[in-house]
Amino acid sequence: MPSFIAACIQLRSGKTLSENRDAAESLIRAAAMDGAQYIQTPEMSNVLVRSREELLERISGPGDDPFLSMARSVAADLGVHLHIGSLAVLAGNGKVANRAFMIAPDGRILASYDKIHMFDVDLPNGESWRESATYEPGTQSVVLDLPLARIGMAVCYDIRFPAIFRTQARAGAQIVTAPAAFTRQTGEAHWHVLQRARAIENGAFVISAAQGGVHEDGRETYGHSLMVDPWGHVIAELDHDAPGHVLAEIDTDKVSQARGRIPAIANEREFTCRVVEGLKEEPA
């Protein structure tokens, strides 16, 4: 299918799973009513809570997660591909998985992906994050060959690691994704340029739904759910941090056109890196 309608769902998830589920379902249904055939929600759609203890009290394994159950039912009811950007689910080893799911129009789970890169940073404004203290990182990238397109899955902080997206592009991904809960500080600095860079260097669409606003646990996320075409143009954006949805037409023929104009993937070469120490002069 060379052309289809995609939607990003922007949320402001809090601590109560049932409220987050109901808010997401309403926006998913609205996007489908507007014609979306592929719908993506942001990272941590089911719950956003800073305290590890509070998080563990609220979540369950994927088989019992009420958000995932809703998503499967709604995807089947609407006949859409539903990409759950990620959920916090029990990993069975004392840690939590930050896990994305792709759900088919009949409600089947086609694939899942565990976020590989953990956001362990100290920001200049005093914010400190240690995702690795709670979450078990994934080890495998995922590309799905759907009737709509070949789509690569990633989550939030992964967007800063180009190798994932290049590997997916080499595997034929026409669309890469990074549903997120970007902090406001990092979002204002880098959100747009990172999305556009991954699109340009891979000649791929980038679709990234986002969390936005001040959340119940006190964090503030950037919003600005975004879709970028393979030439680096922003084709859809929720230009704020409030819940909502945004749609765009995805024409996968533009991927082959962009890669034909700038064949960066085809022109790649293997190389080594040599470090020259001190001020030693190289022989002429």
C-alpha atoms as a PDB file:
ATOM      1  CA  MET A   1       0.000   0.000   0.000  1.00  0.00           C
ATOM      2  CA  PRO A   2       1.962   3.066  -1.196  1.00  0.00           C
ATOM      3  CA  SER A   3      -0.218   5.617   0.637  1.00  0.00           C
ATOM      4  CA  PHE A   4      -2.148   5.581   3.912  1.00  0.00           C
ATOM      5  CA  ILE A   5      -3.210   7.881   6.752  1.00  0.00           C
ATOM      6  CA  ALA A   6      -1.173   7.791   9.971  1.00  0.00           C
ATOM      7  CA  ALA A   7      -2.009   9.390  13.313  1.00  0.00           C
ATOM      8  CA  CYS A   8      -0.045  10.346  16.400  1.00  0.00           C
ATOM      9  CA  ILE A   9      -1.883  10.353  19.715  1.00  0.00           C
ATOM     10  CA  GLN A  10      -0.553  12.845  22.278  1.00  0.00           C
ATOM     11  CA  LEU A  11      -1.237  12.013  25.916  1.00  0.00           C
ATOM     12  CA  ARG A  12      -0.616  13.401  29.381  1.00  0.00           C
ATOM     13  CA  SER A  13      -0.547  10.123  31.255  1.00  0.00           C
ATOM     14  CA  GLY A  14      -0.760  10.168  35.034  1.00  0.00           C
ATOM     15  CA  LYS A  15      -0.662   7.661  37.866  1.00  0.00           C
ATOM     16  CA  THR A  16      -4.112   6.095  37.370  1.00  0.00           C
ATOM     17  CA  LEU A  17      -4.122   3.353  34.736  1.00  0.00           C
ATOM     18  CA  SER A  18      -7.878   3.389  34.155  1.00  0.00           C
ATOM     19  CA  GLU A  19      -7.908   7.150  33.483  1.00  0.00           C
ATOM     20  CA  ASN A  20      -4.950   6.864  31.105  1.00  0.00           C
ATOM     21  CA  ARG A  21      -6.615   3.976  29.284  1.00  0.00           C
ATOM     22  CA  ASP A  22      -9.907   5.821  28.850  1.00  0.00           C
ATOM     23  CA  ALA A  23      -8.219   9.023  27.657  1.00  0.00           C
ATOM     24  CA  ALA A  24      -6.175   7.094  25.097  1.00  0.00           C
ATOM     25  CA  GLU A  25      -9.144   5.098  23.844  1.00  0.00           C
ATOM     26  CA  SER A  26     -11.128   8.270  23.192  1.00  0.00           C
ATOM     27  CA  LEU A  27      -8.304   9.796  21.126  1.00  0.00           C
ATOM     28  CA  ILE A  28      -7.615   6.547  19.248  1.00  0.00           C
ATOM     29  CA  ARG A  29     -11.263   6.336  18.240  1.00  0.00           C
ATOM     30  CA  ALA A  30     -11.273   9.997  17.176  1.00  0.00           C
ATOM     31  CA  ALA A  31      -8.196   9.429  14.991  1.00  0.00           C
ATOM     32  CA  ALA A  32      -9.801   6.401  13.361  1.00  0.00           C
ATOM     33  CA  MET A  33     -12.978   8.411  12.712  1.00  0.00           C
ATOM     34  CA  ASP A  34     -10.759  10.912  10.886  1.00  0.00           C
ATOM     35  CA  GLY A  35      -9.478   8.147   8.625  1.00  0.00           C
ATOM     36  CA  ALA A  36      -6.288   6.934  10.306  1.00  0.00           C
ATOM     37  CA  GLN A  37      -5.229   3.394   9.378  1.00  0.00           C
ATOM     38  CA  TYR A  38      -2.060   3.387  11.494  1.00  0.00           C
ATOM     39  CA  ILE A  39      -2.289   4.966  14.945  1.00  0.00           C
ATOM     40  CA  GLN A  40       0.609   5.443  17.347  1.00  0.00           C
ATOM     41  CA  THR A  41       0.513   6.326  21.053  1.00  0.00           C
ATOM     42  CA  PRO A  42       3.485   7.692  23.048  1.00  0.00           C
ATOM     43  CA  GLU A  43       5.964   6.108  25.408  1.00  0.00           C
ATOM     44  CA  MET A  44       4.541   5.009  28.765  1.00  0.00           C
ATOM     45  CA  SER A  45       0.965   5.290  27.571  1.00  0.00           C
ATOM     46  CA  ASN A  46      -0.404   3.278  30.479  1.00  0.00           C
ATOM     47  CA  VAL A  47       1.230   5.104  33.405  1.00  0.00           C
ATOM     48  CA  LEU A  48       3.778   7.794  34.229  1.00  0.00           C
ATOM     49  CA  VAL A  49       5.022   7.694  37.812  1.00  0.00           C
ATOM     50  CA  ARG A  50       8.472   8.658  39.046  1.00  0.00           C
ATOM     51  CA  SER A  51       8.589   6.468  42.181  1.00  0.00           C
ATOM     52  CA  ARG A  52       9.737   2.896  41.504  1.00  0.00           C
ATOM     53  CA  GLU A  53       7.659   1.616  44.421  1.00  0.00           C
ATOM     54  CA  GLU A  54       4.511   3.328  43.174  1.00  0.00           C
ATOM     55  CA  LEU A  55       5.134   2.045  39.661  1.00  0.00           C
ATOM     56  CA  LEU A  56       5.478  -1.565  40.811  1.00  0.00           C
ATOM     57  CA  GLU A  57       2.237  -1.258  42.788  1.00  0.00           C
ATOM     58  CA  ARG A  58       0.337  -0.214  39.659  1.00  0.00           C
ATOM     59  CA  ILE A  59       1.605  -2.340  36.789  1.00  0.00           C
ATOM     60  CA  SER A  60       1.246  -5.989  35.822  1.00  0.00           C
ATOM     61  CA  GLY A  61       2.533  -8.411  33.249  1.00  0.00           C
ATOM     62  CA  PRO A  62       1.512  -7.762  29.629  1.00  0.00           C
ATOM     63  CA  GLY A  63      -1.095 -10.519  29.779  1.00  0.00           C
ATOM     64  CA  ASP A  64      -2.961  -8.651  32.515  1.00  0.00           C
ATOM     65  CA  ASP A  65      -2.345  -5.043  31.508  1.00  0.00           C
ATOM     66  CA  PRO A  66      -5.701  -3.240  31.104  1.00  0.00           C
ATOM     67  CA  PHE A  67      -4.283  -0.739  28.609  1.00  0.00           C
ATOM     68  CA  LEU A  68      -3.006  -3.490  26.321  1.00  0.00           C
ATOM     69  CA  SER A  69      -6.318  -5.323  26.620  1.00  0.00           C
ATOM     70  CA  MET A  70      -8.154  -2.138  25.599  1.00  0.00           C
ATOM     71  CA  ALA A  71      -5.745  -1.574  22.720  1.00  0.00           C
ATOM     72  CA  ARG A  72      -6.254  -5.049  21.290  1.00  0.00           C
ATOM     73  CA  SER A  73     -10.024  -4.728  21.536  1.00  0.00           C
ATOM     74  CA  VAL A  74     -10.117  -1.249  20.001  1.00  0.00           C
ATOM     75  CA  ALA A  75      -7.758  -2.173  17.149  1.00  0.00           C
ATOM     76  CA  ALA A  76     -10.054  -5.066  16.254  1.00  0.00           C
ATOM     77  CA  ASP A  77     -13.168  -2.923  16.588  1.00  0.00           C
ATOM     78  CA  LEU A  78     -11.750  -0.165  14.370  1.00  0.00           C
ATOM     79  CA  GLY A  79      -9.792  -2.386  11.968  1.00  0.00           C
ATOM     80  CA  VAL A  80      -6.554  -0.373  12.350  1.00  0.00           C
ATOM     81  CA  HIS A  81      -2.909  -1.073  12.999  1.00  0.00           C
ATOM     82  CA  LEU A  82      -2.368   0.247  16.521  1.00  0.00           C
ATOM     83  CA  HIS A  83       1.202   0.928  17.633  1.00  0.00           C
ATOM     84  CA  ILE A  84       1.362   1.295  21.400  1.00  0.00           C
ATOM     85  CA  GLY A  85       4.475   3.449  21.819  1.00  0.00           C
ATOM     86  CA  SER A  86       5.290   1.702  25.061  1.00  0.00           C
ATOM     87  CA  LEU A  87       3.833   0.414  28.308  1.00  0.00           C
ATOM     88  CA  ALA A  88       5.475  -0.190  31.654  1.00  0.00           C
ATOM     89  CA  VAL A  89       5.013  -3.925  32.255  1.00  0.00           C
ATOM     90  CA  LEU A  90       6.525  -6.380  34.717  1.00  0.00           C
ATOM     91  CA  ALA A  91       9.491  -8.194  33.191  1.00  0.00           C
ATOM     92  CA  GLY A  92       9.432 -11.114  35.642  1.00  0.00           C
ATOM     93  CA  ASN A  93      12.916 -10.549  37.035  1.00  0.00           C
ATOM     94  CA  GLY A  94      12.333  -7.805  39.595  1.00  0.00           C
ATOM     95  CA  LYS A  95      12.593  -5.120  36.921  1.00  0.00           C
ATOM     96  CA  VAL A  96      10.204  -3.506  34.483  1.00  0.00           C
ATOM     97  CA  ALA A  97      10.145  -3.541  30.692  1.00  0.00           C
ATOM     98  CA  ASN A  98       9.536  -0.361  28.724  1.00  0.00           C
ATOM     99  CA  ARG A  99       7.766  -2.302  25.975  1.00  0.00           C
ATOM    100  CA  ALA A 100       6.180  -1.237  22.699  1.00  0.00           C
ATOM    101  CA  PHE A 101       3.521  -3.308  20.929  1.00  0.00           C
ATOM    102  CA  MET A 102       2.277  -3.463  17.347  1.00  0.00           C
ATOM    103  CA  ILE A 103      -1.308  -4.671  17.172  1.00  0.00           C
ATOM    104  CA  ALA A 104      -2.978  -5.922  13.997  1.00  0.00           C
ATOM    105  CA  PRO A 105      -6.453  -4.879  12.776  1.00  0.00           C
ATOM    106  CA  ASP A 106      -7.800  -8.166  14.149  1.00  0.00           C
ATOM    107  CA  GLY A 107      -6.397  -7.489  17.645  1.00  0.00           C
ATOM    108  CA  ARG A 108      -3.403  -9.837  17.454  1.00  0.00           C
ATOM    109  CA  ILE A 109      -0.070  -8.678  18.875  1.00  0.00           C
ATOM    110  CA  LEU A 110       2.256  -8.811  15.879  1.00  0.00           C
ATOM    111  CA  ALA A 111       5.462  -7.827  17.676  1.00  0.00           C
ATOM    112  CA  SER A 112       6.849  -6.182  20.777  1.00  0.00           C
ATOM    113  CA  TYR A 113      10.012  -4.183  21.345  1.00  0.00           C
ATOM    114  CA  ASP A 114      11.804  -3.395  24.610  1.00  0.00           C
ATOM    115  CA  LYS A 115      13.527   0.001  24.730  1.00  0.00           C
ATOM    116  CA  ILE A 116      17.257  -0.556  24.332  1.00  0.00           C
ATOM    117  CA  HIS A 117      18.805   2.682  25.584  1.00  0.00           C
ATOM    118  CA  MET A 118      18.187   3.781  29.173  1.00  0.00           C
ATOM    119  CA  PHE A 119      17.864   7.494  29.966  1.00  0.00           C
ATOM    120  CA  ASP A 120      20.492   7.824  32.720  1.00  0.00           C
ATOM    121  CA  VAL A 121      21.304  11.545  32.799  1.00  0.00           C
ATOM    122  CA  ASP A 122      21.731  14.597  35.022  1.00  0.00           C
ATOM    123  CA  LEU A 123      20.296  17.664  33.302  1.00  0.00           C
ATOM    124  CA  PRO A 124      21.516  21.254  33.834  1.00  0.00           C
ATOM    125  CA  ASN A 125      18.208  22.268  35.444  1.00  0.00           C
ATOM    126  CA  GLY A 126      18.714  19.740  38.258  1.00  0.00           C
ATOM    127  CA  GLU A 127      16.565  16.937  36.864  1.00  0.00           C
ATOM    128  CA  SER A 128      18.134  13.512  37.326  1.00  0.00           C
ATOM    129  CA  TRP A 129      16.932  10.304  35.670  1.00  0.00           C
ATOM    130  CA  ARG A 130      18.136   6.723  36.148  1.00  0.00           C
ATOM    131  CA  GLU A 131      15.924   4.486  34.012  1.00  0.00           C
ATOM    132  CA  SER A 132      18.344   1.586  34.376  1.00  0.00           C
ATOM    133  CA  ALA A 133      17.534   1.405  38.108  1.00  0.00           C
ATOM    134  CA  THR A 134      14.006   0.275  37.241  1.00  0.00           C
ATOM    135  CA  TYR A 135      13.910  -0.893  33.638  1.00  0.00           C
ATOM    136  CA  GLU A 136      15.506  -3.893  31.961  1.00  0.00           C
ATOM    137  CA  PRO A 137      16.942  -2.752  28.609  1.00  0.00           C
ATOM    138  CA  GLY A 138      16.102  -4.613  25.429  1.00  0.00           C
ATOM    139  CA  THR A 139      18.718  -6.181  23.191  1.00  0.00           C
ATOM    140  CA  GLN A 140      17.013  -6.529  19.795  1.00  0.00           C
ATOM    141  CA  SER A 141      15.762  -4.019  17.242  1.00  0.00           C
ATOM    142  CA  VAL A 142      12.479  -4.827  15.479  1.00  0.00           C
ATOM    143  CA  VAL A 143      11.273  -4.179  11.920  1.00  0.00           C
ATOM    144  CA  LEU A 144       7.791  -5.290  10.835  1.00  0.00           C
ATOM    145  CA  ASP A 145       6.677  -5.924   7.282  1.00  0.00           C
ATOM    146  CA  LEU A 146       3.075  -4.689   7.439  1.00  0.00           C
ATOM    147  CA  PRO A 147       0.589  -4.345   4.567  1.00  0.00           C
ATOM    148  CA  LEU A 148       0.902  -0.564   5.027  1.00  0.00           C
ATOM    149  CA  ALA A 149       4.697  -0.346   5.019  1.00  0.00           C
ATOM    150  CA  ARG A 150       7.844  -1.795   6.551  1.00  0.00           C
ATOM    151  CA  ILE A 151       8.103  -0.130   9.976  1.00  0.00           C
ATOM    152  CA  GLY A 152      10.936  -0.029  12.516  1.00  0.00           C
ATOM    153  CA  MET A 153      10.208   0.207  16.247  1.00  0.00           C
ATOM    154  CA  ALA A 154      12.179   2.264  18.777  1.00  0.00           C
ATOM    155  CA  VAL A 155      11.358   4.336  21.883  1.00  0.00           C
ATOM    156  CA  CYS A 156      12.234   7.883  22.979  1.00  0.00           C
ATOM    157  CA  TYR A 157      15.940   8.044  24.001  1.00  0.00           C
ATOM    158  CA  ASP A 158      16.744   5.575  21.207  1.00  0.00           C
ATOM    159  CA  ILE A 159      16.385   8.537  18.812  1.00  0.00           C
ATOM    160  CA  ARG A 160      19.846   9.726  19.934  1.00  0.00           C
ATOM    161  CA  PHE A 161      21.471   6.489  18.728  1.00  0.00           C
ATOM    162  CA  PRO A 162      21.549   6.571  14.911  1.00  0.00           C
ATOM    163  CA  ALA A 163      22.813   2.999  14.530  1.00  0.00           C
ATOM    164  CA  ILE A 164      19.388   1.564  15.395  1.00  0.00           C
ATOM    165  CA  PHE A 165      17.679   3.492  12.622  1.00  0.00           C
ATOM    166  CA  ARG A 166      20.417   2.855  10.079  1.00  0.00           C
ATOM    167  CA  THR A 167      20.167  -0.870  10.799  1.00  0.00           C
ATOM    168  CA  GLN A 168      16.412  -0.708  10.326  1.00  0.00           C
ATOM    169  CA  ALA A 169      16.786   1.246   7.077  1.00  0.00           C
ATOM    170  CA  ARG A 170      19.251  -1.344   5.786  1.00  0.00           C
ATOM    171  CA  ALA A 171      16.593  -3.952   6.610  1.00  0.00           C
ATOM    172  CA  GLY A 172      14.191  -2.073   4.348  1.00  0.00           C
ATOM    173  CA  ALA A 173      12.293   0.044   6.886  1.00  0.00           C
ATOM    174  CA  GLN A 174      10.373   2.805   5.134  1.00  0.00           C
ATOM    175  CA  ILE A 175       9.131   4.272   8.402  1.00  0.00           C
ATOM    176  CA  VAL A 176      11.058   4.503  11.663  1.00  0.00           C
ATOM    177  CA  THR A 177       9.484   5.491  14.946  1.00  0.00           C
ATOM    178  CA  ALA A 178      10.429   6.936  18.332  1.00  0.00           C
ATOM    179  CA  PRO A 179       7.305   7.424  20.485  1.00  0.00           C
ATOM    180  CA  ALA A 180       8.477   9.432  23.458  1.00  0.00           C
ATOM    181  CA  ALA A 181       8.115  11.115  26.819  1.00  0.00           C
ATOM    182  CA  PHE A 182      10.826  13.728  26.164  1.00  0.00           C
ATOM    183  CA  THR A 183      11.494  16.144  28.993  1.00  0.00           C
ATOM    184  CA  ARG A 184      10.609  19.734  28.188  1.00  0.00           C
ATOM    185  CA  GLN A 185      14.246  20.828  28.517  1.00  0.00           C
ATOM    186  CA  THR A 186      15.639  18.237  26.107  1.00  0.00           C
ATOM    187  CA  GLY A 187      12.628  18.551  23.824  1.00  0.00           C
ATOM    188  CA  GLU A 188      13.049  22.292  23.384  1.00  0.00           C
ATOM    189  CA  ALA A 189      16.724  21.757  22.582  1.00  0.00           C
ATOM    190  CA  HIS A 190      16.728  18.691  20.349  1.00  0.00           C
ATOM    191  CA  TRP A 191      13.348  17.095  19.592  1.00  0.00           C
ATOM    192  CA  HIS A 192      12.784  18.473  16.103  1.00  0.00           C
ATOM    193  CA  VAL A 193      16.371  18.271  14.899  1.00  0.00           C
ATOM    194  CA  LEU A 194      16.757  14.651  16.025  1.00  0.00           C
ATOM    195  CA  GLN A 195      13.571  13.548  14.267  1.00  0.00           C
ATOM    196  CA  ARG A 196      14.548  15.362  11.067  1.00  0.00           C
ATOM    197  CA  ALA A 197      18.116  14.048  11.178  1.00  0.00           C
ATOM    198  CA  ARG A 198      16.994  10.416  11.452  1.00  0.00           C
ATOM    199  CA  ALA A 199      14.618  10.981   8.517  1.00  0.00           C
ATOM    200  CA  ILE A 200      17.210  12.647   6.295  1.00  0.00           C
ATOM    201  CA  GLU A 201      20.103  10.280   6.916  1.00  0.00           C
ATOM    202  CA  ASN A 202      17.937   7.194   6.303  1.00  0.00           C
ATOM    203  CA  GLY A 203      15.585   8.500   3.617  1.00  0.00           C
ATOM    204  CA  ALA A 204      12.678   7.332   5.783  1.00  0.00           C
ATOM    205  CA  PHE A 205       9.532   8.702   7.360  1.00  0.00           C
ATOM    206  CA  VAL A 206       9.809   9.282  11.107  1.00  0.00           C
ATOM    207  CA  ILE A 207       6.630   9.067  13.202  1.00  0.00           C
ATOM    208  CA  SER A 208       6.867   9.909  16.905  1.00  0.00           C
ATOM    209  CA  ALA A 209       3.884  10.379  19.217  1.00  0.00           C
ATOM    210  CA  ALA A 210       4.697  12.151  22.477  1.00  0.00           C
ATOM    211  CA  GLN A 211       3.632  12.778  26.036  1.00  0.00           C
ATOM    212  CA  GLY A 212       3.047  16.453  26.815  1.00  0.00           C
ATOM    213  CA  GLY A 213       2.509  18.823  29.718  1.00  0.00           C
ATOM    214  CA  VAL A 214       2.882  18.740  33.499  1.00  0.00           C
ATOM    215  CA  HIS A 215       2.166  15.246  34.790  1.00  0.00           C
ATOM    216  CA  GLU A 216       0.762  14.047  38.078  1.00  0.00           C
ATOM    217  CA  ASP A 217       4.204  12.941  39.304  1.00  0.00           C
ATOM    218  CA  GLY A 218       5.637  16.424  38.710  1.00  0.00           C
ATOM    219  CA  ARG A 219       7.584  15.809  35.514  1.00  0.00           C
ATOM    220  CA  GLU A 220       7.048  18.020  32.475  1.00  0.00           C
ATOM    221  CA  THR A 221       7.182  16.595  28.970  1.00  0.00           C
ATOM    222  CA  TYR A 222       7.519  18.436  25.694  1.00  0.00           C
ATOM    223  CA  GLY A 223       4.657  17.185  23.515  1.00  0.00           C
ATOM    224  CA  HIS A 224       4.938  18.232  19.851  1.00  0.00           C
ATOM    225  CA  SER A 225       4.052  14.821  18.372  1.00  0.00           C
ATOM    226  CA  LEU A 226       5.692  14.816  14.981  1.00  0.00           C
ATOM    227  CA  MET A 227       5.797  13.221  11.539  1.00  0.00           C
ATOM    228  CA  VAL A 228       8.702  13.907   9.165  1.00  0.00           C
ATOM    229  CA  ASP A 229       9.019  12.859   5.527  1.00  0.00           C
ATOM    230  CA  PRO A 230      12.134  11.233   3.987  1.00  0.00           C
ATOM    231  CA  TRP A 231      13.443  14.606   2.777  1.00  0.00           C
ATOM    232  CA  GLY A 232      13.331  16.022   6.312  1.00  0.00           C
ATOM    233  CA  HIS A 233      10.140  18.088   6.011  1.00  0.00           C
ATOM    234  CA  VAL A 234       7.772  18.156   8.988  1.00  0.00           C
ATOM    235  CA  ILE A 235       4.461  17.024   7.528  1.00  0.00           C
ATOM    236  CA  ALA A 236       2.411  16.975  10.752  1.00  0.00           C
ATOM    237  CA  GLU A 237       2.891  18.339  14.246  1.00  0.00           C
ATOM    238  CA  LEU A 238       0.818  18.948  17.355  1.00  0.00           C
ATOM    239  CA  ASP A 239       2.421  22.316  18.062  1.00  0.00           C
ATOM    240  CA  HIS A 240       1.709  22.246  21.810  1.00  0.00           C
ATOM    241  CA  ASP A 241       1.819  19.914  24.818  1.00  0.00           C
ATOM    242  CA  ALA A 242      -1.912  19.211  25.272  1.00  0.00           C
ATOM    243  CA  PRO A 243      -3.579  15.846  24.579  1.00  0.00           C
ATOM    244  CA  GLY A 244      -4.895  15.413  21.058  1.00  0.00           C
ATOM    245  CA  HIS A 245      -4.205  13.738  17.738  1.00  0.00           C
ATOM    246  CA  VAL A 246      -2.691  14.722  14.416  1.00  0.00           C
ATOM    247  CA  LEU A 247      -2.848  13.022  11.018  1.00  0.00           C
ATOM    248  CA  ALA A 248      -0.799  12.930   7.842  1.00  0.00           C
ATOM    249  CA  GLU A 249      -0.748  11.017   4.589  1.00  0.00           C
ATOM    250  CA  ILE A 250       2.237   8.677   4.330  1.00  0.00           C
ATOM    251  CA  ASP A 251       3.238   8.013   0.713  1.00  0.00           C
ATOM    252  CA  THR A 252       5.895   5.294   0.830  1.00  0.00           C
ATOM    253  CA  ASP A 253       6.904   6.006  -2.787  1.00  0.00           C
ATOM    254  CA  LYS A 254       8.674   9.043  -1.335  1.00  0.00           C
ATOM    255  CA  VAL A 255      11.117   6.712   0.409  1.00  0.00           C
ATOM    256  CA  SER A 256      12.474   5.239  -2.813  1.00  0.00           C
ATOM    257  CA  GLN A 257      12.526   8.723  -4.340  1.00  0.00           C
ATOM    258  CA  ALA A 258      14.604  10.149  -1.477  1.00  0.00           C
ATOM    259  CA  ARG A 259      16.970   7.186  -1.427  1.00  0.00           C
ATOM    260  CA  GLY A 260      17.374   7.478  -5.182  1.00  0.00           C
ATOM    261  CA  ARG A 261      18.284  11.157  -4.952  1.00  0.00           C
ATOM    262  CA  ILE A 262      20.726  10.687  -2.068  1.00  0.00           C
ATOM    263  CA  PRO A 263      21.787   6.997  -2.021  1.00  0.00           C
ATOM    264  CA  ALA A 264      23.544   7.253   1.337  1.00  0.00           C
ATOM    265  CA  ILE A 265      22.694   3.694   2.364  1.00  0.00           C
ATOM    266  CA  ALA A 266      23.913   2.236  -0.932  1.00  0.00           C
ATOM    267  CA  ASN A 267      27.076   4.354  -0.756  1.00  0.00           C
ATOM    268  CA  GLU A 268      28.100   3.219   2.725  1.00  0.00           C
ATOM    269  CA  ARG A 269      31.579   1.756   3.100  1.00  0.00           C
ATOM    270  CA  GLU A 270      33.229  -0.116   5.934  1.00  0.00           C
ATOM    271  CA  PHE A 271      36.114   1.704   7.596  1.00  0.00           C
ATOM    272  CA  THR A 272      38.321   1.680  10.641  1.00  0.00           C
ATOM    273  CA  CYS A 273      39.135   4.472  13.083  1.00  0.00           C
ATOM    274  CA  ARG A 274      42.703   5.355  14.032  1.00  0.00           C
ATOM    275  CA  VAL A 275      43.604   7.677  16.911  1.00  0.00           C
ATOM    276  CA  VAL A 276      46.763   9.764  16.482  1.00  0.00           C
ATOM    277  CA  GLU A 277      48.236  10.517  19.909  1.00  0.00           C
ATOM    278  CA  GLY A 278      49.712  13.834  20.953  1.00  0.00           C
ATOM    279  CA  LEU A 279      51.181  16.110  18.315  1.00  0.00           C
ATOM    280  CA  LYS A 280      53.064  13.497  16.347  1.00  0.00           C
ATOM    281  CA  GLU A 281      53.322  14.438  12.705  1.00  0.00           C
ATOM    282  CA  GLU A 282      52.175  11.958  10.123  1.00  0.00           C
ATOM    283  CA  PRO A 283      54.791  11.033   7.485  1.00  0.00           C
ATOM    284  CA  ALA A 284      54.310  12.946   4.252  1.00  0.00           C
END
